[in-house]
Protein backbone atom coordinates (compact mmCIF):
# COMPACT_ATOMS: atom_id res chain seq x y z
CA MET A 1 -3.14 11.35 -59.98
CA LYS A 2 -4.76 8.81 -57.74
CA SER A 3 -3.50 10.58 -54.68
CA PHE A 4 -5.12 13.84 -55.47
CA PRO A 5 -8.68 12.95 -54.51
CA THR A 6 -7.40 11.44 -51.30
CA ASN A 7 -5.31 14.53 -50.34
CA LEU A 8 -8.27 16.80 -51.39
CA SER A 9 -10.64 14.82 -49.20
CA ARG A 10 -8.21 15.17 -46.31
CA ILE A 11 -7.91 18.89 -46.93
CA LEU A 12 -11.67 19.29 -47.17
CA ALA A 13 -12.20 17.26 -44.05
CA LEU A 14 -9.68 19.35 -42.19
CA SER A 15 -11.35 22.55 -43.39
CA VAL A 16 -14.77 21.22 -42.19
CA LEU A 17 -13.11 20.38 -38.84
CA ILE A 18 -11.54 23.76 -38.42
CA SER A 19 -14.69 25.56 -39.55
CA GLY A 20 -16.78 23.45 -37.17
CA SER A 21 -14.43 24.18 -34.34
CA ALA A 22 -14.49 27.90 -35.05
CA CYS A 23 -18.31 27.81 -35.06
CA PHE A 24 -18.34 25.95 -31.80
CA LEU A 25 -15.95 28.49 -30.26
CA ARG A 26 -18.02 31.38 -31.43
CA ALA A 27 -21.14 29.67 -30.01
CA VAL A 28 -19.48 29.17 -26.67
CA GLU A 29 -18.23 32.76 -26.65
CA ALA A 30 -21.82 33.97 -27.39
CA GLY A 31 -23.17 31.79 -24.61
CA GLY A 32 -24.27 29.08 -27.03
CA SER A 33 -24.25 25.92 -24.77
CA THR A 34 -27.16 23.61 -25.19
CA THR A 35 -27.35 22.91 -21.51
CA ILE A 36 -27.03 24.92 -18.31
CA ALA A 37 -25.38 23.50 -15.17
CA ARG A 38 -27.68 24.06 -12.12
CA LEU A 39 -26.43 24.53 -8.60
CA ASP A 40 -28.10 21.28 -7.54
CA GLY A 41 -25.85 19.33 -9.93
CA ARG A 42 -28.54 18.76 -12.53
CA THR A 43 -28.47 20.18 -16.03
CA LEU A 44 -31.17 22.25 -17.72
CA PRO A 45 -31.53 21.91 -21.48
CA VAL A 46 -31.74 25.36 -23.03
CA ALA A 47 -34.67 24.19 -25.13
CA ASP A 48 -36.51 23.54 -22.02
CA LEU A 49 -35.62 26.95 -20.53
CA ASP A 50 -36.87 28.67 -23.75
CA LEU A 51 -40.16 26.89 -23.52
CA GLN A 52 -40.65 27.92 -19.91
CA VAL A 53 -39.64 31.47 -20.65
CA ALA A 54 -42.16 31.72 -23.45
CA ARG A 55 -44.91 30.34 -21.16
CA LEU A 56 -44.09 32.72 -18.25
CA MET A 57 -43.78 35.73 -20.42
CA LYS A 58 -47.14 35.16 -22.07
CA ALA A 59 -48.90 34.37 -18.78
CA ALA A 60 -47.48 37.39 -16.88
CA ARG A 61 -47.50 39.84 -19.77
CA VAL A 62 -43.73 40.45 -19.72
CA THR A 63 -42.87 42.37 -22.80
CA GLY A 64 -39.18 41.56 -23.10
CA LEU A 65 -36.70 39.45 -21.11
CA GLY A 66 -32.93 38.79 -21.33
CA VAL A 67 -31.43 35.80 -19.59
CA ALA A 68 -27.77 35.20 -19.07
CA VAL A 69 -26.09 32.35 -17.15
CA VAL A 70 -22.50 32.03 -15.96
CA ASN A 71 -21.20 28.48 -15.14
CA GLU A 72 -17.69 28.05 -13.65
CA GLY A 73 -16.83 31.69 -14.39
CA ARG A 74 -17.81 31.64 -18.05
CA ILE A 75 -20.91 32.90 -19.85
CA VAL A 76 -22.70 29.76 -21.19
CA HIS A 77 -26.09 31.21 -22.00
CA LEU A 78 -27.06 34.63 -23.33
CA LYS A 79 -30.47 35.09 -24.97
CA ALA A 80 -33.09 37.80 -25.34
CA HIS A 81 -36.83 37.06 -25.70
CA GLY A 82 -39.80 39.14 -26.75
CA ILE A 83 -40.16 42.74 -27.77
CA ALA A 84 -37.94 45.72 -27.29
CA ASP A 85 -40.64 48.33 -28.18
CA ARG A 86 -44.27 47.61 -28.56
CA LYS A 87 -44.70 50.72 -30.77
CA THR A 88 -42.34 49.45 -33.40
CA GLY A 89 -42.46 45.75 -32.77
CA ALA A 90 -38.73 45.51 -32.74
CA ALA A 91 -37.34 42.33 -31.17
CA LEU A 92 -35.32 42.47 -28.02
CA THR A 93 -31.71 41.39 -28.56
CA ASP A 94 -28.72 40.83 -26.20
CA GLN A 95 -27.41 44.13 -27.53
CA SER A 96 -30.65 46.09 -26.87
CA VAL A 97 -29.77 48.99 -24.54
CA MET A 98 -31.96 48.99 -21.45
CA SER A 99 -32.06 51.23 -18.41
CA GLY A 100 -29.77 49.51 -15.85
CA ALA A 101 -31.66 51.14 -12.99
CA SER A 102 -30.06 50.04 -9.69
CA PHE A 103 -27.69 47.66 -11.36
CA SER A 104 -25.76 51.03 -11.50
CA LYS A 105 -25.16 50.72 -7.74
CA ALA A 106 -23.48 47.38 -8.00
CA ALA A 107 -21.20 48.48 -10.85
CA PHE A 108 -20.39 51.69 -8.89
CA ALA A 109 -19.43 49.59 -5.80
CA ILE A 110 -16.76 47.85 -7.93
CA LEU A 111 -15.28 51.25 -8.78
CA VAL A 112 -15.19 52.25 -5.11
CA MET A 113 -13.45 49.00 -4.19
CA GLN A 114 -10.82 49.58 -6.92
CA LEU A 115 -10.05 52.98 -5.28
CA VAL A 116 -9.91 51.30 -1.88
CA GLU A 117 -7.35 48.80 -3.27
CA GLU A 118 -5.15 51.72 -4.42
CA GLY A 119 -5.29 53.30 -0.93
CA ARG A 120 -7.16 56.41 -2.20
CA LEU A 121 -10.27 55.59 -0.10
CA ASP A 122 -10.87 54.05 3.28
CA LEU A 123 -14.27 52.47 3.90
CA ASP A 124 -14.33 53.40 7.56
CA GLN A 125 -13.02 56.96 7.63
CA PRO A 126 -15.65 59.71 8.00
CA ILE A 127 -16.27 61.06 4.52
CA GLU A 128 -15.63 64.54 5.73
CA ARG A 129 -11.97 63.73 5.48
CA TYR A 130 -12.36 63.36 1.72
CA LEU A 131 -14.83 66.19 1.14
CA GLY A 132 -12.71 68.73 3.06
CA ARG A 133 -15.77 70.13 4.91
CA PRO A 134 -18.88 68.82 6.66
CA LEU A 135 -21.46 67.33 4.21
CA GLY A 136 -24.04 69.83 5.48
CA GLU A 137 -22.00 72.62 3.98
CA PHE A 138 -22.65 71.47 0.46
CA PRO A 139 -25.67 73.21 -1.02
CA GLN A 140 -27.48 70.07 -1.94
CA TYR A 141 -27.14 68.70 1.63
CA ARG A 142 -27.87 71.81 3.68
CA ASP A 143 -30.87 69.96 5.21
CA LEU A 144 -28.30 67.98 7.14
CA ARG A 145 -26.33 70.97 8.47
CA SER A 146 -27.82 70.85 11.94
CA ASP A 147 -27.65 67.10 12.31
CA GLU A 148 -24.21 66.17 13.72
CA ARG A 149 -24.81 62.54 13.00
CA SER A 150 -24.24 63.08 9.31
CA ARG A 151 -20.63 63.95 10.12
CA ARG A 152 -20.18 60.23 11.05
CA PHE A 153 -21.03 58.94 7.60
CA THR A 154 -18.50 56.52 6.11
CA LEU A 155 -18.36 54.92 2.72
CA ARG A 156 -19.17 51.63 4.36
CA MET A 157 -22.48 53.10 5.69
CA LEU A 158 -23.22 54.69 2.37
CA LEU A 159 -22.72 51.43 0.42
CA ASN A 160 -24.45 49.17 2.86
CA HIS A 161 -27.46 51.48 3.24
CA THR A 162 -27.15 52.16 6.96
CA THR A 163 -27.04 55.92 6.97
CA GLY A 164 -30.53 56.45 8.17
CA LEU A 165 -31.38 58.47 5.01
CA PRO A 166 -34.56 57.79 3.03
CA ASN A 167 -34.39 56.20 -0.44
CA TRP A 168 -34.95 59.66 -2.01
CA ARG A 169 -35.73 62.94 -0.47
CA TRP A 170 -38.42 63.75 -3.04
CA ILE A 171 -40.74 61.07 -1.64
CA MET A 172 -40.55 62.52 1.84
CA PRO A 173 -42.91 65.17 3.27
CA GLY A 174 -41.72 68.58 2.21
CA LYS A 175 -38.97 66.79 0.09
CA LYS A 176 -36.61 67.36 3.03
CA LEU A 177 -33.58 65.16 3.58
CA THR A 178 -33.47 63.94 7.20
CA LEU A 179 -31.96 61.17 9.17
CA HIS A 180 -34.41 58.55 10.45
CA PHE A 181 -32.18 56.41 12.74
CA GLU A 182 -28.66 56.34 14.10
CA PRO A 183 -26.10 55.79 11.29
CA GLY A 184 -24.84 52.30 11.25
CA SER A 185 -27.66 50.83 13.37
CA ARG A 186 -29.85 49.24 10.72
CA TYR A 187 -30.46 48.68 7.11
CA ALA A 188 -32.73 50.96 4.96
CA TYR A 189 -32.06 51.10 1.20
CA SER A 190 -31.04 54.58 0.18
CA GLY A 191 -30.28 56.01 -3.26
CA GLU A 192 -29.41 59.22 -1.48
CA GLY A 193 -26.60 57.43 0.24
CA ILE A 194 -25.12 56.27 -3.02
CA ALA A 195 -25.30 59.77 -4.42
CA ILE A 196 -23.22 60.99 -1.47
CA ALA A 197 -20.70 58.17 -2.20
CA GLN A 198 -20.49 59.48 -5.79
CA LEU A 199 -19.73 62.93 -4.42
CA VAL A 200 -16.88 61.42 -2.43
CA VAL A 201 -15.40 59.51 -5.34
CA GLU A 202 -15.62 62.50 -7.73
CA THR A 203 -14.08 64.78 -5.14
CA VAL A 204 -11.14 62.43 -4.43
CA THR A 205 -10.37 61.61 -8.06
CA ALA A 206 -11.36 65.07 -9.53
CA LYS A 207 -13.12 63.12 -12.30
CA SER A 208 -16.72 62.39 -13.20
CA ILE A 209 -17.94 58.87 -12.58
CA THR A 210 -18.82 58.90 -16.35
CA ALA A 211 -15.09 58.89 -17.18
CA LEU A 212 -14.09 56.71 -14.25
CA MET A 213 -16.53 53.97 -15.03
CA GLN A 214 -15.66 54.09 -18.72
CA ASP A 215 -11.83 54.05 -18.09
CA ARG A 216 -11.81 51.41 -15.40
CA ILE A 217 -14.65 49.11 -16.10
CA PHE A 218 -16.65 49.59 -19.38
CA GLY A 219 -13.73 50.20 -21.62
CA PRO A 220 -11.42 47.36 -20.52
CA LEU A 221 -14.38 44.87 -20.60
CA LYS A 222 -15.39 46.09 -24.09
CA MET A 223 -18.90 47.00 -22.76
CA SER A 224 -19.46 49.24 -25.82
CA ARG A 225 -23.20 49.63 -25.28
CA THR A 226 -22.93 50.75 -21.62
CA GLY A 227 -22.47 54.18 -20.19
CA MET A 228 -23.39 56.41 -17.23
CA ILE A 229 -24.98 59.02 -19.45
CA TRP A 230 -26.96 58.78 -22.74
CA SER A 231 -25.12 58.12 -26.01
CA PRO A 232 -26.74 58.54 -29.47
CA ALA A 233 -25.12 55.25 -30.42
CA PHE A 234 -27.63 53.48 -28.09
CA SER A 235 -30.46 54.34 -30.53
CA SER A 236 -29.30 51.72 -33.03
CA ASP A 237 -30.86 48.99 -30.80
CA LEU A 238 -32.95 50.47 -28.01
CA ALA A 239 -35.32 48.96 -25.54
CA ILE A 240 -38.24 50.86 -24.17
CA GLY A 241 -39.82 50.25 -20.73
CA HIS A 242 -43.44 49.05 -20.55
CA ASP A 243 -46.04 49.34 -17.87
CA GLU A 244 -48.30 46.50 -16.47
CA GLN A 245 -50.57 46.78 -19.52
CA GLU A 246 -47.54 46.68 -21.85
CA LYS A 247 -47.95 50.34 -22.75
CA PRO A 248 -44.68 51.84 -23.81
CA LEU A 249 -43.22 54.43 -21.39
CA GLU A 250 -41.02 57.45 -22.16
CA ARG A 251 -37.40 56.57 -22.42
CA ARG A 252 -35.19 58.69 -20.10
CA GLN A 253 -31.96 59.96 -21.57
CA TRP A 254 -29.59 60.80 -18.74
CA LYS A 255 -27.39 63.82 -19.26
CA THR A 256 -25.93 63.85 -15.69
CA PRO A 257 -24.45 60.60 -14.30
CA GLY A 258 -26.02 59.12 -11.15
CA ALA A 259 -24.22 56.19 -9.43
CA ALA A 260 -27.64 55.17 -8.01
CA GLY A 261 -29.33 54.55 -11.30
CA SER A 262 -28.21 56.34 -14.47
CA MET A 263 -26.38 53.41 -16.16
CA ASP A 264 -27.69 52.25 -19.54
CA THR A 265 -26.53 48.78 -20.51
CA CYS A 266 -27.53 45.65 -22.41
CA LEU A 267 -27.70 42.03 -21.43
CA ALA A 268 -24.46 41.09 -23.17
CA ASP A 269 -22.50 43.85 -21.54
CA TYR A 270 -23.79 43.36 -17.94
CA ALA A 271 -23.09 39.60 -18.32
CA LYS A 272 -19.52 40.57 -19.23
CA LEU A 273 -19.25 42.58 -15.96
CA ILE A 274 -20.52 39.66 -13.84
CA GLU A 275 -18.18 37.23 -15.65
CA ALA A 276 -15.24 39.44 -15.11
CA LEU A 277 -16.06 39.93 -11.40
CA LEU A 278 -16.31 36.13 -10.87
CA GLN A 279 -13.03 35.55 -12.78
CA GLY A 280 -11.18 38.08 -10.58
CA ARG A 281 -10.42 40.44 -13.44
CA LEU A 282 -11.96 43.57 -11.78
CA LEU A 283 -10.91 43.22 -8.14
CA LYS A 284 -8.51 41.29 -5.98
CA PRO A 285 -10.08 38.25 -4.19
CA ALA A 286 -9.82 40.05 -0.83
CA SER A 287 -11.72 43.06 -2.21
CA VAL A 288 -14.44 40.87 -3.68
CA GLU A 289 -14.78 39.13 -0.26
CA GLU A 290 -14.99 42.52 1.53
CA MET A 291 -17.56 43.76 -0.93
CA THR A 292 -19.79 40.69 -0.67
CA LYS A 293 -19.47 39.79 2.97
CA PRO A 294 -22.33 40.65 5.38
CA GLY A 295 -21.91 44.09 6.75
CA ILE A 296 -25.40 44.47 8.26
CA GLU A 297 -28.07 41.75 8.88
CA ILE A 298 -31.53 42.53 7.58
CA PHE A 299 -34.68 41.77 9.52
CA SER A 300 -37.13 44.14 7.71
CA LYS A 301 -40.34 42.53 6.55
CA ARG A 302 -39.92 44.02 3.07
CA GLN A 303 -37.19 45.92 1.37
CA PHE A 304 -39.69 48.64 0.33
CA PRO A 305 -40.89 51.07 1.72
CA THR A 306 -37.37 51.49 2.96
CA LEU A 307 -38.09 53.09 6.33
CA ALA A 308 -40.84 50.72 7.43
CA THR A 309 -40.07 49.30 10.87
CA GLU A 310 -41.93 46.01 10.73
CA THR A 311 -39.45 43.19 11.22
CA THR A 312 -39.46 39.32 10.68
CA ASP A 313 -37.33 36.28 11.34
CA GLU A 314 -38.41 34.77 8.02
CA ASN A 315 -35.00 35.28 6.32
CA ARG A 316 -32.80 34.43 9.30
CA ALA A 317 -32.17 30.88 7.94
CA VAL A 318 -30.71 32.19 4.68
CA GLY A 319 -28.83 34.96 6.57
CA LEU A 320 -30.14 37.91 4.57
CA ALA A 321 -27.77 40.81 4.88
CA TYR A 322 -26.06 43.62 2.94
CA GLY A 323 -22.55 44.07 1.80
CA LEU A 324 -21.09 47.00 -0.19
CA GLY A 325 -23.48 47.73 -3.03
CA TRP A 326 -24.68 44.18 -3.08
CA GLY A 327 -27.18 42.15 -1.04
CA VAL A 328 -25.92 38.98 0.64
CA LEU A 329 -27.37 35.55 1.38
CA GLN A 330 -25.01 34.05 3.96
CA ARG A 331 -26.50 30.53 3.92
CA THR A 332 -27.97 28.95 0.78
CA PRO A 333 -27.92 25.24 0.18
CA HIS A 334 -25.06 25.95 -2.25
CA GLY A 335 -22.96 28.30 -0.17
CA PRO A 336 -23.04 32.06 0.24
CA ALA A 337 -24.42 34.18 -2.56
CA PHE A 338 -24.65 37.87 -3.40
CA PHE A 339 -27.34 39.72 -5.47
CA LYS A 340 -28.45 43.00 -6.84
CA GLU A 341 -31.79 44.19 -8.21
CA GLY A 342 -32.73 46.90 -10.61
CA HIS A 343 -36.10 48.53 -10.46
CA ASP A 344 -37.67 51.48 -12.17
CA ASP A 345 -40.93 52.24 -13.98
CA GLY A 346 -40.95 49.79 -16.87
CA TRP A 347 -37.73 48.05 -15.87
CA GLU A 348 -37.17 44.99 -13.56
CA HIS A 349 -33.80 43.26 -13.29
CA PHE A 350 -32.13 40.82 -10.95
CA SER A 351 -28.64 39.17 -10.74
CA LEU A 352 -27.67 36.36 -8.36
CA CYS A 353 -24.03 35.19 -7.98
CA HIS A 354 -22.43 32.28 -6.10
CA LEU A 355 -18.78 33.21 -5.70
CA GLN A 356 -17.46 29.75 -4.65
CA LYS A 357 -19.00 28.15 -7.67
CA ARG A 358 -18.34 31.12 -9.95
CA SER A 359 -21.90 30.94 -11.17
CA ALA A 360 -24.51 33.59 -11.85
CA VAL A 361 -27.90 34.24 -13.33
CA ILE A 362 -28.87 37.63 -14.78
CA LEU A 363 -32.39 38.54 -15.58
CA MET A 364 -33.23 41.87 -17.35
CA THR A 365 -36.73 42.95 -18.33
CA ASN A 366 -38.35 46.01 -19.96
CA SER A 367 -41.58 45.33 -18.17
CA SER A 368 -43.22 46.39 -14.91
CA ASN A 369 -44.50 42.83 -14.67
CA GLY A 370 -41.01 41.36 -14.81
CA GLU A 371 -40.51 40.63 -11.18
CA SER A 372 -43.60 38.45 -11.15
CA ILE A 373 -41.75 35.60 -12.97
CA PHE A 374 -38.38 35.95 -11.21
CA LYS A 375 -39.03 33.41 -8.42
CA GLU A 376 -40.06 30.63 -10.86
CA LEU A 377 -37.28 31.43 -13.39
CA LEU A 378 -34.58 31.48 -10.73
CA GLU A 379 -35.57 28.24 -9.22
CA LEU A 380 -35.72 26.71 -12.76
CA VAL A 381 -32.28 27.84 -13.67
CA THR A 382 -30.46 27.27 -10.32
CA GLY A 383 -32.43 24.57 -8.67
CA ASP A 384 -32.39 26.61 -5.47
CA SER A 385 -35.53 27.97 -3.78
CA SER A 386 -33.87 29.94 -0.96
CA LEU A 387 -34.28 33.43 -2.47
CA PRO A 388 -36.12 35.67 -0.04
CA TRP A 389 -38.70 36.49 -2.67
CA ARG A 390 -41.32 37.92 -0.25
CA TRP A 391 -38.72 40.45 1.03
CA GLU A 392 -38.04 41.35 -2.59
CA ASN A 393 -41.77 41.58 -3.31
CA TYR A 394 -41.26 39.08 -6.21
CA VAL A 395 -44.85 37.82 -5.78
CA PRO A 396 -45.54 35.32 -8.63
CA TYR A 397 -48.04 36.51 -11.23
CA ASN A 398 -50.36 33.61 -10.45
CA SER A 399 -50.18 34.00 -6.62
CA THR A 400 -53.08 35.23 -4.45
CA GLU A 401 -50.55 36.43 -1.95
CA LYS A 402 -50.23 40.19 -1.56
């Protein structure tokens, strides 16, 4: 009888230990670390990050913000702050479905590289080989019929934004699609180019990118709240974009997939994609290297407007360039990095990855003011101030600089 309490105590202690371990594992899986490892070797307490996030969001009138951090190839922090929808007052969560905007382009580039790995696509072959006829013979591209330069387009040009096409035809005079410089000669961001790459992929595979992205990326990674077109399931936890005065904007529900910007996703799901990419679960190392190496150096003063010709040497030190679907920083104090933005009315996102360190920061906001806190947030989380924020037009909310 005397041994019973002792054995019971041991059993209870073991139960507590197992339960505590399970809770710790769940916390880690959910990004529950209490500190974040910065690139400069220092650690950032999550409590300090939360305080600074609250301060910045209030000062800059950022409605909602999601922050995810990957250290050594593992999500260690995942947290949403603020409001998903000012009309309802619903809180933003890491499951709140947001417009991915141009994060779509980076995810699509991974799909293209998978097809390159399989030998179904070649980055440097004229796309006419895959389309079976000149691009200008397709009804939506008849504006290019008389321009022979469009017959030289390759997937590499389409993905590194060197086609000479505008960002979107509808912003041009007469809404006409024309080439503005020799393909391959310089960088000018172009959603039109990504749309053409989508045409190539769907022609070669005889499948919609909706199915391709689901079968090859979203499904395997269990990104259950991500899709290239709208799903009614997203309504269960939905974020709404907000303008500079925090007025809710109409939520677009995509019926047709667009590789350049139709992806809906949430912070937790997009963090899974970045984590898997850094862990080598989506592409072979050689493919990741090909996708994130500098394909074209960038000397434009600003990224937008895309066809502006003003140049600068301001970003030469960091080696600003573009890879395949991703921007590249060739020389940061912590090694090469690659990045991708997402921008649309009411939505501002940014992701920054360091491949050698297998680290990343993902920022997602449902606010047109979001970009005004990115510089300070990224420097806080990474300890690195080399981001070309002027080129990105990430002018701080409290800056007098235009």
